[in-house]
Amino acid sequence: MKEITVYLVRHCEPELPSDHICLGIRDIPLSLKGISHALKLKSYFSDKGIEAIYSSPLKRARKTAEIIADNKIRIEIKNDFSEINMGKWDGMTFAEIKEKYPLEYEERGKDFENYVVEGGESMSMCRDRALRQLKDIMDNSEGNIIIVAHAGVNRLIISGLTGMSIKDSFLYQLKYGSIIRLKYDGDISKIDNEEIHI
């Protein structure tokens, strides 16, 4: 198969009440700064020969994808690229979680990969669904593609592709709108991290 480039993009900045919020599948829109950043991404991708964009269904990812596509690139919504389901913790600050659920928070720290928050999913469950979806898309693509997802999902994809532990993958800095570039020819041959400055 011919080599294609896969761009894993983290959605641009959403409207958040706090930088230290546990944000999972809670559906919030992009901020004005996020929209401005997405327009920069549109310019960046304009000459990259993009065949399709695959996006998480959440508003912050979908809007980022729509701005990049500019009605010129096909967009497909893929539920498996949705952010980690954080269950009853979704939308709480980490300080609130530690205070309200101290034992559960401690247990999660002991088994970061497999712990399931009530009403949510584990990191490994999220990684597995995202990797299955990514592999299916890559195996059926003829040209360069963009995946617009989330920090957690993109870190878990990198963990799965490189063998890095899930815990270590969360040390990987992914700012809003950051890009991870993968080269794929039946196997991943190269991974680069880029940042578009605004």
N, C-alpha and C. Protein backbone atom coordinates (compact mmCIF):
# COMPACT_ATOMS: atom_id res chain seq x y z
N MET A 1 0.84 -1.19 0.00
CA MET A 1 0.00 0.00 0.00
C MET A 1 0.88 1.24 0.00
N LYS A 2 0.36 2.33 -0.58
CA LYS A 2 1.15 3.56 -0.61
C LYS A 2 1.15 4.22 0.77
N GLU A 3 2.20 4.98 1.03
CA GLU A 3 2.29 5.67 2.32
C GLU A 3 1.29 6.82 2.38
N ILE A 4 0.58 6.91 3.50
CA ILE A 4 -0.31 8.04 3.74
C ILE A 4 0.13 8.73 5.03
N THR A 5 -0.29 9.97 5.17
CA THR A 5 -0.04 10.71 6.41
C THR A 5 -1.35 10.85 7.16
N VAL A 6 -1.30 10.51 8.43
CA VAL A 6 -2.46 10.66 9.32
C VAL A 6 -2.12 11.76 10.32
N TYR A 7 -2.97 12.77 10.37
CA TYR A 7 -2.78 13.87 11.32
C TYR A 7 -3.77 13.70 12.47
N LEU A 8 -3.25 13.42 13.66
CA LEU A 8 -4.09 13.36 14.86
C LEU A 8 -4.12 14.76 15.45
N VAL A 9 -5.28 15.38 15.45
CA VAL A 9 -5.42 16.76 15.91
C VAL A 9 -6.24 16.80 17.19
N ARG A 10 -5.75 17.49 18.18
CA ARG A 10 -6.59 17.75 19.36
C ARG A 10 -7.47 18.95 19.02
N HIS A 11 -8.74 18.87 19.37
CA HIS A 11 -9.66 19.99 19.15
C HIS A 11 -9.08 21.28 19.73
N CYS A 12 -9.55 22.41 19.22
CA CYS A 12 -9.10 23.70 19.73
C CYS A 12 -9.80 24.03 21.05
N GLU A 13 -9.44 25.17 21.63
CA GLU A 13 -9.86 25.50 22.99
C GLU A 13 -11.38 25.60 23.13
N PRO A 14 -11.95 24.86 24.11
CA PRO A 14 -13.39 24.97 24.36
C PRO A 14 -13.69 26.03 25.43
N GLU A 15 -14.97 26.31 25.61
CA GLU A 15 -15.40 27.21 26.68
C GLU A 15 -15.39 26.44 27.99
N LEU A 16 -14.35 26.66 28.78
CA LEU A 16 -14.19 25.92 30.04
C LEU A 16 -14.30 26.85 31.24
N PRO A 17 -14.96 26.41 32.32
CA PRO A 17 -15.00 27.23 33.52
C PRO A 17 -13.68 27.21 34.29
N SER A 18 -12.84 26.20 34.05
CA SER A 18 -11.57 26.05 34.77
C SER A 18 -10.60 25.24 33.93
N ASP A 19 -9.30 25.55 34.06
CA ASP A 19 -8.28 24.78 33.36
C ASP A 19 -8.05 23.41 34.00
N HIS A 20 -8.55 23.24 35.21
CA HIS A 20 -8.26 22.00 35.95
C HIS A 20 -9.50 21.12 36.07
N ILE A 21 -10.33 21.16 35.06
CA ILE A 21 -11.57 20.39 35.06
C ILE A 21 -11.33 19.00 34.48
N CYS A 22 -12.04 18.03 35.00
CA CYS A 22 -12.01 16.67 34.45
C CYS A 22 -13.06 16.64 33.35
N LEU A 23 -12.63 16.75 32.11
CA LEU A 23 -13.56 16.86 30.99
C LEU A 23 -13.54 15.59 30.16
N GLY A 24 -14.67 14.94 30.10
CA GLY A 24 -14.81 13.72 29.32
C GLY A 24 -15.77 13.95 28.16
N ILE A 25 -16.95 13.33 28.24
CA ILE A 25 -17.90 13.44 27.13
C ILE A 25 -18.90 14.58 27.30
N ARG A 26 -18.73 15.39 28.33
CA ARG A 26 -19.58 16.59 28.47
C ARG A 26 -19.40 17.42 27.20
N ASP A 27 -20.51 17.82 26.60
CA ASP A 27 -20.46 18.43 25.27
C ASP A 27 -20.47 19.95 25.37
N ILE A 28 -19.31 20.56 25.16
CA ILE A 28 -19.20 22.02 25.23
C ILE A 28 -18.61 22.56 23.94
N PRO A 29 -18.98 23.79 23.56
CA PRO A 29 -18.52 24.35 22.28
C PRO A 29 -17.12 24.94 22.37
N LEU A 30 -16.60 25.31 21.21
CA LEU A 30 -15.32 26.02 21.16
C LEU A 30 -15.49 27.44 21.69
N SER A 31 -14.42 27.96 22.28
CA SER A 31 -14.38 29.37 22.67
C SER A 31 -14.05 30.21 21.43
N LEU A 32 -14.13 31.52 21.55
CA LEU A 32 -13.75 32.39 20.43
C LEU A 32 -12.28 32.19 20.08
N LYS A 33 -11.44 32.02 21.10
CA LYS A 33 -10.02 31.75 20.86
C LYS A 33 -9.86 30.42 20.12
N GLY A 34 -10.67 29.43 20.49
CA GLY A 34 -10.62 28.13 19.82
C GLY A 34 -11.00 28.22 18.36
N ILE A 35 -12.02 29.03 18.06
CA ILE A 35 -12.44 29.22 16.66
C ILE A 35 -11.32 29.88 15.87
N SER A 36 -10.69 30.90 16.45
CA SER A 36 -9.57 31.58 15.79
C SER A 36 -8.42 30.61 15.52
N HIS A 37 -8.12 29.74 16.49
CA HIS A 37 -7.05 28.75 16.33
C HIS A 37 -7.40 27.76 15.23
N ALA A 38 -8.67 27.33 15.17
CA ALA A 38 -9.10 26.38 14.14
C ALA A 38 -8.92 26.98 12.74
N LEU A 39 -9.11 28.28 12.61
CA LEU A 39 -8.89 28.93 11.31
C LEU A 39 -7.42 28.86 10.91
N LYS A 40 -6.52 28.94 11.90
CA LYS A 40 -5.08 28.76 11.62
C LYS A 40 -4.81 27.34 11.15
N LEU A 41 -5.48 26.37 11.77
CA LEU A 41 -5.31 24.98 11.34
C LEU A 41 -5.82 24.79 9.91
N LYS A 42 -6.92 25.44 9.58
CA LYS A 42 -7.44 25.36 8.20
C LYS A 42 -6.37 25.81 7.21
N SER A 43 -5.71 26.92 7.50
CA SER A 43 -4.64 27.41 6.62
C SER A 43 -3.49 26.41 6.54
N TYR A 44 -3.12 25.85 7.68
CA TYR A 44 -2.02 24.88 7.73
C TYR A 44 -2.32 23.67 6.85
N PHE A 45 -3.55 23.18 6.89
CA PHE A 45 -3.89 21.96 6.16
C PHE A 45 -4.27 22.20 4.70
N SER A 46 -4.33 23.45 4.27
CA SER A 46 -4.85 23.76 2.92
C SER A 46 -4.03 23.14 1.80
N ASP A 47 -2.75 22.86 2.03
CA ASP A 47 -1.92 22.28 0.96
C ASP A 47 -1.41 20.88 1.31
N LYS A 48 -2.11 20.19 2.20
CA LYS A 48 -1.64 18.87 2.66
C LYS A 48 -2.32 17.70 1.94
N GLY A 49 -3.14 17.98 0.94
CA GLY A 49 -3.77 16.90 0.18
C GLY A 49 -4.66 16.02 1.03
N ILE A 50 -5.51 16.62 1.84
CA ILE A 50 -6.36 15.86 2.76
C ILE A 50 -7.55 15.26 2.01
N GLU A 51 -7.71 13.95 2.17
CA GLU A 51 -8.81 13.21 1.53
C GLU A 51 -10.09 13.27 2.36
N ALA A 52 -9.94 13.18 3.68
CA ALA A 52 -11.11 13.14 4.57
C ALA A 52 -10.71 13.54 5.98
N ILE A 53 -11.71 13.97 6.74
CA ILE A 53 -11.53 14.27 8.15
C ILE A 53 -12.49 13.38 8.93
N TYR A 54 -11.96 12.74 9.96
CA TYR A 54 -12.77 11.90 10.85
C TYR A 54 -12.77 12.57 12.21
N SER A 55 -13.96 12.78 12.76
CA SER A 55 -14.06 13.57 13.99
C SER A 55 -14.85 12.85 15.07
N SER A 56 -14.45 13.12 16.30
CA SER A 56 -15.27 12.80 17.46
C SER A 56 -16.62 13.50 17.28
N PRO A 57 -17.69 12.94 17.85
CA PRO A 57 -19.00 13.60 17.73
C PRO A 57 -19.18 14.81 18.65
N LEU A 58 -18.26 15.02 19.59
CA LEU A 58 -18.42 16.12 20.54
C LEU A 58 -18.22 17.47 19.87
N LYS A 59 -19.00 18.47 20.30
CA LYS A 59 -19.03 19.79 19.64
C LYS A 59 -17.65 20.39 19.46
N ARG A 60 -16.81 20.31 20.48
CA ARG A 60 -15.50 20.97 20.41
C ARG A 60 -14.62 20.37 19.32
N ALA A 61 -14.76 19.07 19.07
CA ALA A 61 -14.00 18.41 18.00
C ALA A 61 -14.69 18.63 16.65
N ARG A 62 -16.01 18.47 16.64
CA ARG A 62 -16.76 18.59 15.39
C ARG A 62 -16.61 19.98 14.78
N LYS A 63 -16.68 21.02 15.62
CA LYS A 63 -16.54 22.38 15.11
C LYS A 63 -15.12 22.62 14.60
N THR A 64 -14.12 22.10 15.30
CA THR A 64 -12.74 22.21 14.81
C THR A 64 -12.63 21.57 13.43
N ALA A 65 -13.22 20.38 13.27
CA ALA A 65 -13.19 19.67 11.98
C ALA A 65 -13.91 20.46 10.89
N GLU A 66 -15.06 21.03 11.22
CA GLU A 66 -15.84 21.78 10.23
C GLU A 66 -15.08 23.01 9.75
N ILE A 67 -14.39 23.69 10.66
CA ILE A 67 -13.62 24.87 10.27
C ILE A 67 -12.45 24.46 9.38
N ILE A 68 -11.75 23.40 9.74
CA ILE A 68 -10.63 22.92 8.91
C ILE A 68 -11.13 22.52 7.53
N ALA A 69 -12.26 21.82 7.47
CA ALA A 69 -12.79 21.31 6.19
C ALA A 69 -13.27 22.44 5.29
N ASP A 70 -13.83 23.49 5.86
CA ASP A 70 -14.29 24.65 5.09
C ASP A 70 -15.21 24.24 3.93
N ASN A 71 -16.05 23.23 4.16
CA ASN A 71 -16.97 22.71 3.14
C ASN A 71 -16.27 22.15 1.90
N LYS A 72 -14.97 21.87 2.00
CA LYS A 72 -14.22 21.35 0.85
C LYS A 72 -13.72 19.94 1.07
N ILE A 73 -13.76 19.47 2.31
CA ILE A 73 -13.24 18.13 2.64
C ILE A 73 -14.36 17.35 3.32
N ARG A 74 -14.50 16.09 2.94
CA ARG A 74 -15.51 15.22 3.54
C ARG A 74 -15.21 15.01 5.02
N ILE A 75 -16.26 15.11 5.86
CA ILE A 75 -16.14 14.85 7.30
C ILE A 75 -17.00 13.65 7.65
N GLU A 76 -16.43 12.72 8.41
CA GLU A 76 -17.20 11.60 8.95
C GLU A 76 -17.08 11.62 10.47
N ILE A 77 -18.21 11.49 11.14
CA ILE A 77 -18.23 11.45 12.60
C ILE A 77 -18.02 10.01 13.06
N LYS A 78 -17.08 9.82 13.97
CA LYS A 78 -16.77 8.48 14.49
C LYS A 78 -16.88 8.51 16.02
N ASN A 79 -17.87 7.82 16.54
CA ASN A 79 -18.10 7.81 17.99
C ASN A 79 -16.90 7.27 18.77
N ASP A 80 -16.12 6.39 18.16
CA ASP A 80 -14.98 5.79 18.86
C ASP A 80 -13.84 6.77 19.10
N PHE A 81 -13.91 7.97 18.51
CA PHE A 81 -12.92 9.00 18.79
C PHE A 81 -13.39 9.99 19.86
N SER A 82 -14.55 9.70 20.47
CA SER A 82 -15.04 10.53 21.56
C SER A 82 -14.07 10.44 22.75
N GLU A 83 -14.03 11.49 23.56
CA GLU A 83 -13.13 11.51 24.70
C GLU A 83 -13.48 10.41 25.70
N ILE A 84 -12.55 10.10 26.58
CA ILE A 84 -12.75 9.10 27.63
C ILE A 84 -14.01 9.47 28.43
N ASN A 85 -14.85 8.49 28.66
CA ASN A 85 -16.05 8.73 29.47
C ASN A 85 -15.65 8.72 30.94
N MET A 86 -15.69 9.87 31.57
CA MET A 86 -15.27 10.02 32.96
C MET A 86 -16.42 9.85 33.96
N GLY A 87 -17.57 9.40 33.46
CA GLY A 87 -18.67 9.06 34.35
C GLY A 87 -19.06 10.21 35.27
N LYS A 88 -19.25 9.88 36.55
CA LYS A 88 -19.75 10.88 37.51
C LYS A 88 -18.73 11.98 37.81
N TRP A 89 -17.48 11.81 37.38
CA TRP A 89 -16.47 12.86 37.60
C TRP A 89 -16.50 13.93 36.52
N ASP A 90 -17.16 13.66 35.42
CA ASP A 90 -17.13 14.57 34.27
C ASP A 90 -17.64 15.96 34.66
N GLY A 91 -16.82 16.96 34.40
CA GLY A 91 -17.19 18.35 34.68
C GLY A 91 -16.76 18.85 36.04
N MET A 92 -16.24 17.96 36.89
CA MET A 92 -15.77 18.38 38.21
C MET A 92 -14.31 18.81 38.11
N THR A 93 -13.87 19.68 39.02
CA THR A 93 -12.45 19.98 39.09
C THR A 93 -11.77 18.81 39.81
N PHE A 94 -10.46 18.68 39.60
CA PHE A 94 -9.75 17.58 40.26
C PHE A 94 -9.73 17.78 41.78
N ALA A 95 -9.73 19.04 42.22
CA ALA A 95 -9.81 19.30 43.67
C ALA A 95 -11.14 18.80 44.23
N GLU A 96 -12.22 19.02 43.50
CA GLU A 96 -13.54 18.54 43.93
C GLU A 96 -13.59 17.02 43.98
N ILE A 97 -12.99 16.39 42.98
CA ILE A 97 -12.98 14.92 42.93
C ILE A 97 -12.23 14.36 44.13
N LYS A 98 -11.05 14.91 44.40
CA LYS A 98 -10.24 14.45 45.54
C LYS A 98 -10.99 14.62 46.86
N GLU A 99 -11.73 15.72 46.97
CA GLU A 99 -12.46 16.00 48.21
C GLU A 99 -13.70 15.11 48.35
N LYS A 100 -14.45 14.93 47.27
CA LYS A 100 -15.72 14.19 47.33
C LYS A 100 -15.53 12.68 47.23
N TYR A 101 -14.52 12.25 46.46
CA TYR A 101 -14.29 10.82 46.24
C TYR A 101 -12.84 10.44 46.53
N PRO A 102 -12.34 10.68 47.74
CA PRO A 102 -10.91 10.47 48.02
C PRO A 102 -10.45 9.02 47.82
N LEU A 103 -11.26 8.05 48.23
CA LEU A 103 -10.85 6.64 48.10
C LEU A 103 -10.84 6.21 46.64
N GLU A 104 -11.87 6.62 45.90
CA GLU A 104 -11.92 6.27 44.48
C GLU A 104 -10.77 6.93 43.72
N TYR A 105 -10.47 8.17 44.06
CA TYR A 105 -9.37 8.88 43.41
C TYR A 105 -8.05 8.16 43.67
N GLU A 106 -7.88 7.70 44.89
CA GLU A 106 -6.66 6.96 45.25
C GLU A 106 -6.59 5.63 44.50
N GLU A 107 -7.71 4.92 44.41
CA GLU A 107 -7.75 3.64 43.69
C GLU A 107 -7.41 3.84 42.22
N ARG A 108 -7.92 4.90 41.63
CA ARG A 108 -7.62 5.18 40.22
C ARG A 108 -6.12 5.41 40.03
N GLY A 109 -5.50 6.08 40.98
CA GLY A 109 -4.05 6.30 40.91
C GLY A 109 -3.26 5.02 40.95
N LYS A 110 -3.79 4.01 41.65
CA LYS A 110 -3.10 2.72 41.76
C LYS A 110 -3.22 1.88 40.49
N ASP A 111 -4.32 2.06 39.75
CA ASP A 111 -4.53 1.28 38.52
C ASP A 111 -5.09 2.21 37.44
N PHE A 112 -4.26 3.16 37.03
CA PHE A 112 -4.66 4.21 36.10
C PHE A 112 -5.23 3.63 34.80
N GLU A 113 -4.67 2.51 34.36
CA GLU A 113 -5.05 1.93 33.07
C GLU A 113 -6.43 1.29 33.09
N ASN A 114 -6.77 0.63 34.19
CA ASN A 114 -7.98 -0.21 34.21
C ASN A 114 -9.11 0.28 35.11
N TYR A 115 -8.86 1.31 35.91
CA TYR A 115 -9.89 1.77 36.83
C TYR A 115 -11.06 2.38 36.05
N VAL A 116 -12.28 2.02 36.43
CA VAL A 116 -13.49 2.55 35.79
C VAL A 116 -14.24 3.42 36.80
N VAL A 117 -14.34 4.71 36.49
CA VAL A 117 -15.16 5.61 37.31
C VAL A 117 -16.61 5.21 37.11
N GLU A 118 -17.40 5.27 38.17
CA GLU A 118 -18.82 4.90 38.06
C GLU A 118 -19.49 5.65 36.91
N GLY A 119 -20.10 4.89 36.01
CA GLY A 119 -20.78 5.49 34.86
C GLY A 119 -19.86 5.78 33.69
N GLY A 120 -18.58 5.42 33.82
CA GLY A 120 -17.61 5.75 32.78
C GLY A 120 -16.94 4.53 32.17
N GLU A 121 -15.71 4.70 31.74
CA GLU A 121 -14.93 3.62 31.13
C GLU A 121 -13.48 3.75 31.58
N SER A 122 -12.72 2.69 31.40
CA SER A 122 -11.30 2.72 31.75
C SER A 122 -10.49 3.30 30.60
N MET A 123 -9.26 3.69 30.92
CA MET A 123 -8.34 4.18 29.89
C MET A 123 -8.10 3.11 28.83
N SER A 124 -7.93 1.87 29.26
CA SER A 124 -7.65 0.80 28.29
C SER A 124 -8.85 0.54 27.38
N MET A 125 -10.06 0.67 27.90
CA MET A 125 -11.25 0.52 27.06
C MET A 125 -11.29 1.60 25.98
N CYS A 126 -10.99 2.83 26.37
CA CYS A 126 -10.98 3.94 25.43
C CYS A 126 -9.88 3.74 24.38
N ARG A 127 -8.69 3.35 24.84
CA ARG A 127 -7.58 3.10 23.91
C ARG A 127 -7.96 2.06 22.87
N ASP A 128 -8.55 0.96 23.32
CA ASP A 128 -8.87 -0.14 22.41
C ASP A 128 -9.89 0.27 21.35
N ARG A 129 -10.92 1.01 21.74
CA ARG A 129 -11.93 1.41 20.75
C ARG A 129 -11.35 2.41 19.75
N ALA A 130 -10.53 3.35 20.24
CA ALA A 130 -9.94 4.35 19.35
C ALA A 130 -8.95 3.71 18.38
N LEU A 131 -8.14 2.77 18.85
CA LEU A 131 -7.18 2.09 17.98
C LEU A 131 -7.86 1.25 16.91
N ARG A 132 -8.93 0.54 17.29
CA ARG A 132 -9.68 -0.25 16.30
C ARG A 132 -10.21 0.65 15.18
N GLN A 133 -10.77 1.79 15.58
CA GLN A 133 -11.33 2.71 14.59
C GLN A 133 -10.23 3.29 13.71
N LEU A 134 -9.12 3.69 14.31
CA LEU A 134 -8.01 4.26 13.55
C LEU A 134 -7.46 3.26 12.54
N LYS A 135 -7.24 2.03 12.97
CA LYS A 135 -6.70 1.00 12.07
C LYS A 135 -7.64 0.77 10.89
N ASP A 136 -8.93 0.70 11.16
CA ASP A 136 -9.91 0.50 10.09
C ASP A 136 -9.86 1.64 9.08
N ILE A 137 -9.78 2.87 9.58
CA ILE A 137 -9.71 4.03 8.68
C ILE A 137 -8.42 4.00 7.86
N MET A 138 -7.28 3.77 8.52
CA MET A 138 -5.99 3.79 7.81
C MET A 138 -5.93 2.71 6.74
N ASP A 139 -6.46 1.54 7.05
CA ASP A 139 -6.42 0.43 6.08
C ASP A 139 -7.31 0.67 4.88
N ASN A 140 -8.25 1.60 4.99
CA ASN A 140 -9.19 1.86 3.89
C ASN A 140 -9.04 3.25 3.29
N SER A 141 -7.91 3.90 3.56
CA SER A 141 -7.67 5.25 3.03
C SER A 141 -6.64 5.21 1.92
N GLU A 142 -6.86 6.06 0.94
CA GLU A 142 -5.93 6.17 -0.19
C GLU A 142 -5.09 7.44 -0.11
N GLY A 143 -5.55 8.40 0.68
CA GLY A 143 -4.85 9.68 0.77
C GLY A 143 -4.69 10.12 2.22
N ASN A 144 -4.13 11.30 2.39
CA ASN A 144 -3.88 11.82 3.73
C ASN A 144 -5.19 12.13 4.46
N ILE A 145 -5.20 11.89 5.76
CA ILE A 145 -6.42 12.08 6.54
C ILE A 145 -6.13 12.82 7.84
N ILE A 146 -7.18 13.42 8.38
CA ILE A 146 -7.11 14.09 9.67
C ILE A 146 -8.09 13.40 10.62
N ILE A 147 -7.63 13.16 11.84
CA ILE A 147 -8.50 12.69 12.91
C ILE A 147 -8.59 13.83 13.92
N VAL A 148 -9.78 14.35 14.17
CA VAL A 148 -9.94 15.40 15.19
C VAL A 148 -10.56 14.74 16.42
N ALA A 149 -9.77 14.68 17.48
CA ALA A 149 -10.22 14.01 18.70
C ALA A 149 -9.82 14.84 19.91
N HIS A 150 -9.36 14.18 20.94
CA HIS A 150 -9.17 14.80 22.25
C HIS A 150 -7.81 14.44 22.83
N ALA A 151 -7.38 15.18 23.83
CA ALA A 151 -6.06 14.92 24.43
C ALA A 151 -5.97 13.49 24.95
N GLY A 152 -6.98 13.05 25.69
CA GLY A 152 -6.94 11.69 26.24
C GLY A 152 -6.89 10.64 25.15
N VAL A 153 -7.77 10.76 24.17
CA VAL A 153 -7.83 9.78 23.07
C VAL A 153 -6.52 9.76 22.30
N ASN A 154 -6.01 10.94 21.95
CA ASN A 154 -4.78 10.99 21.15
C ASN A 154 -3.59 10.42 21.92
N ARG A 155 -3.52 10.69 23.22
CA ARG A 155 -2.45 10.09 24.04
C ARG A 155 -2.59 8.57 24.07
N LEU A 156 -3.81 8.09 24.20
CA LEU A 156 -4.03 6.64 24.25
C LEU A 156 -3.70 5.98 22.92
N ILE A 157 -3.98 6.66 21.82
CA ILE A 157 -3.59 6.13 20.50
C ILE A 157 -2.07 6.01 20.42
N ILE A 158 -1.36 7.05 20.86
CA ILE A 158 0.11 7.00 20.86
C ILE A 158 0.61 5.86 21.74
N SER A 159 -0.01 5.69 22.89
CA SER A 159 0.35 4.57 23.78
C SER A 159 0.21 3.24 23.05
N GLY A 160 -0.93 3.06 22.37
CA GLY A 160 -1.17 1.80 21.67
C GLY A 160 -0.24 1.57 20.50
N LEU A 161 0.13 2.65 19.80
CA LEU A 161 0.99 2.51 18.62
C LEU A 161 2.46 2.30 18.97
N THR A 162 2.89 2.85 20.10
CA THR A 162 4.31 2.81 20.44
C THR A 162 4.67 1.81 21.52
N GLY A 163 3.66 1.32 22.25
CA GLY A 163 3.94 0.44 23.38
C GLY A 163 4.24 1.21 24.66
N MET A 164 4.17 2.54 24.60
CA MET A 164 4.35 3.37 25.79
C MET A 164 3.22 3.04 26.78
N SER A 165 3.52 3.03 28.06
CA SER A 165 2.47 2.76 29.04
C SER A 165 1.43 3.88 28.99
N ILE A 166 0.20 3.54 29.34
CA ILE A 166 -0.86 4.54 29.36
C ILE A 166 -0.50 5.67 30.32
N LYS A 167 0.02 5.32 31.48
CA LYS A 167 0.39 6.35 32.47
C LYS A 167 1.43 7.30 31.88
N ASP A 168 2.45 6.74 31.23
CA ASP A 168 3.49 7.59 30.63
C ASP A 168 2.95 8.44 29.48
N SER A 169 1.98 7.91 28.74
CA SER A 169 1.43 8.67 27.62
C SER A 169 0.74 9.95 28.10
N PHE A 170 0.28 9.96 29.36
CA PHE A 170 -0.37 11.15 29.89
C PHE A 170 0.63 12.21 30.33
N LEU A 171 1.93 11.92 30.22
CA LEU A 171 2.96 12.94 30.42
C LEU A 171 3.22 13.69 29.12
N TYR A 172 2.72 13.17 28.01
CA TYR A 172 2.87 13.73 26.67
C TYR A 172 2.05 15.01 26.58
N GLN A 173 2.71 16.14 26.35
CA GLN A 173 2.01 17.43 26.30
C GLN A 173 1.27 17.60 24.98
N LEU A 174 -0.03 17.78 25.07
CA LEU A 174 -0.85 18.04 23.88
C LEU A 174 -1.71 19.27 24.13
N LYS A 175 -1.27 20.40 23.60
CA LYS A 175 -2.03 21.63 23.77
C LYS A 175 -3.23 21.62 22.83
N TYR A 176 -4.16 22.54 23.07
CA TYR A 176 -5.30 22.65 22.16
C TYR A 176 -4.81 22.90 20.74
N GLY A 177 -5.37 22.17 19.79
CA GLY A 177 -5.00 22.33 18.39
C GLY A 177 -3.68 21.69 18.00
N SER A 178 -3.05 20.95 18.92
CA SER A 178 -1.77 20.32 18.59
C SER A 178 -1.97 19.18 17.59
N ILE A 179 -0.92 18.89 16.85
CA ILE A 179 -0.98 17.91 15.76
C ILE A 179 0.08 16.84 16.00
N ILE A 180 -0.33 15.59 15.89
CA ILE A 180 0.61 14.46 15.87
C ILE A 180 0.53 13.89 14.46
N ARG A 181 1.67 13.82 13.79
CA ARG A 181 1.70 13.35 12.41
C ARG A 181 2.23 11.92 12.37
N LEU A 182 1.46 11.03 11.77
CA LEU A 182 1.85 9.63 11.63
C LEU A 182 2.06 9.30 10.16
N LYS A 183 3.11 8.56 9.86
CA LYS A 183 3.31 8.03 8.51
C LYS A 183 2.89 6.57 8.53
N TYR A 184 2.03 6.17 7.58
CA TYR A 184 1.47 4.82 7.60
C TYR A 184 1.54 4.20 6.21
N ASP A 185 2.12 2.97 6.16
CA ASP A 185 2.17 2.22 4.89
C ASP A 185 1.84 0.75 5.16
N GLY A 186 0.87 0.53 6.01
CA GLY A 186 0.55 -0.81 6.49
C GLY A 186 1.05 -0.98 7.91
N ASP A 187 1.96 -0.09 8.30
CA ASP A 187 2.49 -0.03 9.65
C ASP A 187 2.89 1.43 9.92
N ILE A 188 2.93 1.81 11.17
CA ILE A 188 3.34 3.17 11.52
C ILE A 188 4.86 3.25 11.43
N SER A 189 5.36 4.16 10.59
CA SER A 189 6.81 4.25 10.42
C SER A 189 7.41 5.48 11.10
N LYS A 190 6.59 6.49 11.40
CA LYS A 190 7.15 7.71 11.99
C LYS A 190 6.05 8.46 12.74
N ILE A 191 6.41 9.05 13.87
CA ILE A 191 5.48 9.87 14.66
C ILE A 191 6.16 11.19 14.99
N ASP A 192 5.52 12.31 14.62
CA ASP A 192 6.02 13.65 14.93
C ASP A 192 4.94 14.43 15.65
N ASN A 193 5.35 15.36 16.50
CA ASN A 193 4.41 16.23 17.20
C ASN A 193 4.65 17.66 16.73
N GLU A 194 3.58 18.35 16.31
CA GLU A 194 3.70 19.73 15.84
C GLU A 194 2.75 20.62 16.62
N GLU A 195 3.06 21.90 16.64
CA GLU A 195 2.16 22.86 17.28
C GLU A 195 2.02 24.06 16.36
N ILE A 196 0.78 24.46 16.10
CA ILE A 196 0.53 25.63 15.27
C ILE A 196 0.33 26.81 16.22
N HIS A 197 1.22 27.77 16.14
CA HIS A 197 1.15 28.92 17.06
C HIS A 197 0.19 29.97 16.52
N ILE A 198 -0.57 30.57 17.43
CA ILE A 198 -1.50 31.63 17.01
C ILE A 198 -1.08 32.94 17.65
